[in-house]
């Protein structure tokens, strides 16, 4: 039984399945705004890990892409691209999640 619970924690994150979606989206948006203000990539990665919601990382990528598309400033776009590259480099977000979000963002 314990092994099954550990697997669930690995998939959903500790407490990840019980937090409301709107709350998670709001936390992601605040995280991205803080990153854009501070420019501290290491802190942003720490905050992403602290959210403990690997099942929801596709939404993190989606919100980042949306913010980049809506950005007026090219330096904001560059910062967000750096953020996405770091998510991929640190294997926080899987290539499958990146691909799925890219396709959905293109369709919308």
C-alpha atoms as a PDB file:
ATOM      1  CA  UNK A   1       0.000   0.000   0.000  1.00  0.00           C
ATOM      2  CA  UNK A   2       2.792   2.415   0.931  1.00  0.00           C
ATOM      3  CA  UNK A   3       4.468   1.890  -2.445  1.00  0.00           C
ATOM      4  CA  UNK A   4       1.236   2.895  -4.181  1.00  0.00           C
ATOM      5  CA  UNK A   5       1.011   6.105  -2.140  1.00  0.00           C
ATOM      6  CA  UNK A   6       4.612   6.978  -2.984  1.00  0.00           C
ATOM      7  CA  UNK A   7       3.806   6.502  -6.664  1.00  0.00           C
ATOM      8  CA  UNK A   8       0.764   8.781  -6.349  1.00  0.00           C
ATOM      9  CA  UNK A   9       2.922  11.445  -4.696  1.00  0.00           C
ATOM     10  CA  UNK A  10       5.407  11.160  -7.572  1.00  0.00           C
ATOM     11  CA  UNK A  11       2.666  11.624 -10.142  1.00  0.00           C
ATOM     12  CA  UNK A  12       0.392  14.160  -8.460  1.00  0.00           C
ATOM     13  CA  UNK A  13       2.791  15.805  -6.046  1.00  0.00           C
ATOM     14  CA  UNK A  14       2.167  15.986  -2.324  1.00  0.00           C
ATOM     15  CA  UNK A  15      -1.315  17.425  -1.962  1.00  0.00           C
ATOM     16  CA  UNK A  16      -1.384  18.285  -5.662  1.00  0.00           C
ATOM     17  CA  UNK A  17      -4.633  16.542  -6.435  1.00  0.00           C
ATOM     18  CA  UNK A  18      -6.628  18.374  -3.771  1.00  0.00           C
ATOM     19  CA  UNK A  19      -5.766  21.994  -4.612  1.00  0.00           C
ATOM     20  CA  UNK A  20      -8.282  23.886  -6.763  1.00  0.00           C
ATOM     21  CA  UNK A  21      -7.266  24.470 -10.380  1.00  0.00           C
ATOM     22  CA  UNK A  22      -7.957  28.212 -10.206  1.00  0.00           C
ATOM     23  CA  UNK A  23      -5.667  28.489  -7.196  1.00  0.00           C
ATOM     24  CA  UNK A  24      -2.861  26.687  -9.025  1.00  0.00           C
ATOM     25  CA  UNK A  25      -3.273  28.878 -12.108  1.00  0.00           C
ATOM     26  CA  UNK A  26      -3.124  31.989  -9.937  1.00  0.00           C
ATOM     27  CA  UNK A  27       0.042  30.729  -8.222  1.00  0.00           C
ATOM     28  CA  UNK A  28       1.627  30.063 -11.614  1.00  0.00           C
ATOM     29  CA  UNK A  29       0.738  33.541 -12.859  1.00  0.00           C
ATOM     30  CA  UNK A  30       2.212  35.124  -9.727  1.00  0.00           C
ATOM     31  CA  UNK A  31       5.348  33.014 -10.084  1.00  0.00           C
ATOM     32  CA  UNK A  32       5.815  34.177 -13.683  1.00  0.00           C
ATOM     33  CA  UNK A  33       5.257  37.835 -12.795  1.00  0.00           C
ATOM     34  CA  UNK A  34       7.750  37.581  -9.941  1.00  0.00           C
ATOM     35  CA  UNK A  35      10.293  35.991 -12.294  1.00  0.00           C
ATOM     36  CA  UNK A  36       9.829  38.779 -14.835  1.00  0.00           C
ATOM     37  CA  UNK A  37      10.322  41.377 -12.111  1.00  0.00           C
ATOM     38  CA  UNK A  38      13.337  39.806 -10.409  1.00  0.00           C
ATOM     39  CA  UNK A  39      14.940  37.930 -13.304  1.00  0.00           C
ATOM     40  CA  UNK A  40      16.092  35.277 -10.814  1.00  0.00           C
ATOM     41  CA  UNK A  41      15.875  32.034 -12.788  1.00  0.00           C
ATOM     42  CA  UNK A  42      17.124  29.808  -9.957  1.00  0.00           C
ATOM     43  CA  UNK A  43      14.450  31.175  -7.612  1.00  0.00           C
ATOM     44  CA  UNK A  44      11.770  30.631 -10.268  1.00  0.00           C
ATOM     45  CA  UNK A  45      12.833  26.988 -10.695  1.00  0.00           C
ATOM     46  CA  UNK A  46      12.776  26.522  -6.918  1.00  0.00           C
ATOM     47  CA  UNK A  47       9.237  27.935  -6.788  1.00  0.00           C
ATOM     48  CA  UNK A  48       8.094  25.616  -9.589  1.00  0.00           C
ATOM     49  CA  UNK A  49       9.442  22.617  -7.685  1.00  0.00           C
ATOM     50  CA  UNK A  50       7.849  23.905  -4.485  1.00  0.00           C
ATOM     51  CA  UNK A  51       4.401  23.883  -6.127  1.00  0.00           C
ATOM     52  CA  UNK A  52       4.687  20.073  -6.285  1.00  0.00           C
ATOM     53  CA  UNK A  53       2.228  19.632  -9.132  1.00  0.00           C
ATOM     54  CA  UNK A  54       4.000  17.741 -11.948  1.00  0.00           C
ATOM     55  CA  UNK A  55       0.609  16.776 -13.386  1.00  0.00           C
ATOM     56  CA  UNK A  56      -0.062  20.484 -13.922  1.00  0.00           C
ATOM     57  CA  UNK A  57       3.219  21.552 -15.556  1.00  0.00           C
ATOM     58  CA  UNK A  58       1.506  21.719 -18.939  1.00  0.00           C
ATOM     59  CA  UNK A  59      -0.487  24.663 -17.542  1.00  0.00           C
ATOM     60  CA  UNK A  60       2.760  26.332 -16.446  1.00  0.00           C
ATOM     61  CA  UNK A  61       4.054  26.064 -20.008  1.00  0.00           C
ATOM     62  CA  UNK A  62       0.728  27.285 -21.419  1.00  0.00           C
ATOM     63  CA  UNK A  63       0.649  30.350 -19.143  1.00  0.00           C
ATOM     64  CA  UNK A  64       4.273  31.115 -20.048  1.00  0.00           C
ATOM     65  CA  UNK A  65       3.580  30.877 -23.789  1.00  0.00           C
ATOM     66  CA  UNK A  66       0.451  33.001 -23.402  1.00  0.00           C
ATOM     67  CA  UNK A  67       2.376  35.669 -21.492  1.00  0.00           C
ATOM     68  CA  UNK A  68       5.127  35.667 -24.138  1.00  0.00           C
ATOM     69  CA  UNK A  69       2.620  36.057 -26.975  1.00  0.00           C
ATOM     70  CA  UNK A  70       0.898  38.933 -25.190  1.00  0.00           C
ATOM     71  CA  UNK A  71       4.194  40.621 -24.275  1.00  0.00           C
ATOM     72  CA  UNK A  72       4.868  43.954 -25.913  1.00  0.00           C
ATOM     73  CA  UNK A  73       8.506  44.030 -24.902  1.00  0.00           C
ATOM     74  CA  UNK A  74      11.027  41.752 -26.635  1.00  0.00           C
ATOM     75  CA  UNK A  75      13.107  41.449 -23.447  1.00  0.00           C
ATOM     76  CA  UNK A  76      10.065  39.908 -21.711  1.00  0.00           C
ATOM     77  CA  UNK A  77       9.784  37.398 -24.557  1.00  0.00           C
ATOM     78  CA  UNK A  78      13.477  36.535 -24.186  1.00  0.00           C
ATOM     79  CA  UNK A  79      13.121  36.093 -20.413  1.00  0.00           C
ATOM     80  CA  UNK A  80      10.171  33.756 -20.869  1.00  0.00           C
ATOM     81  CA  UNK A  81      11.989  31.745 -23.545  1.00  0.00           C
ATOM     82  CA  UNK A  82      14.915  31.400 -21.138  1.00  0.00           C
ATOM     83  CA  UNK A  83      12.460  30.239 -18.466  1.00  0.00           C
ATOM     84  CA  UNK A  84      11.000  27.580 -20.784  1.00  0.00           C
ATOM     85  CA  UNK A  85      14.469  26.431 -21.843  1.00  0.00           C
ATOM     86  CA  UNK A  86      15.474  26.044 -18.187  1.00  0.00           C
ATOM     87  CA  UNK A  87      12.310  24.042 -17.434  1.00  0.00           C
ATOM     88  CA  UNK A  88      13.274  21.693 -20.234  1.00  0.00           C
ATOM     89  CA  UNK A  89      16.980  21.574 -19.315  1.00  0.00           C
ATOM     90  CA  UNK A  90      16.208  20.717 -15.668  1.00  0.00           C
ATOM     91  CA  UNK A  91      13.668  18.104 -16.831  1.00  0.00           C
ATOM     92  CA  UNK A  92      10.952  19.780 -14.781  1.00  0.00           C
ATOM     93  CA  UNK A  93       8.691  19.731 -17.828  1.00  0.00           C
ATOM     94  CA  UNK A  94       8.779  16.763 -20.182  1.00  0.00           C
ATOM     95  CA  UNK A  95       9.155  17.175 -23.951  1.00  0.00           C
ATOM     96  CA  UNK A  96       5.671  15.663 -24.313  1.00  0.00           C
ATOM     97  CA  UNK A  97       4.164  18.392 -22.119  1.00  0.00           C
ATOM     98  CA  UNK A  98       5.986  21.068 -24.142  1.00  0.00           C
ATOM     99  CA  UNK A  99       4.739  19.603 -27.426  1.00  0.00           C
ATOM    100  CA  UNK A 100       1.159  19.265 -26.223  1.00  0.00           C
ATOM    101  CA  UNK A 101       1.032  22.859 -25.018  1.00  0.00           C
ATOM    102  CA  UNK A 102       2.666  24.220 -28.158  1.00  0.00           C
ATOM    103  CA  UNK A 103       0.040  22.505 -30.287  1.00  0.00           C
ATOM    104  CA  UNK A 104      -2.836  23.711 -28.077  1.00  0.00           C
ATOM    105  CA  UNK A 105      -1.531  27.289 -28.031  1.00  0.00           C
ATOM    106  CA  UNK A 106      -1.215  27.237 -31.819  1.00  0.00           C
ATOM    107  CA  UNK A 107      -4.778  25.952 -32.268  1.00  0.00           C
ATOM    108  CA  UNK A 108      -6.257  28.562 -29.898  1.00  0.00           C
END
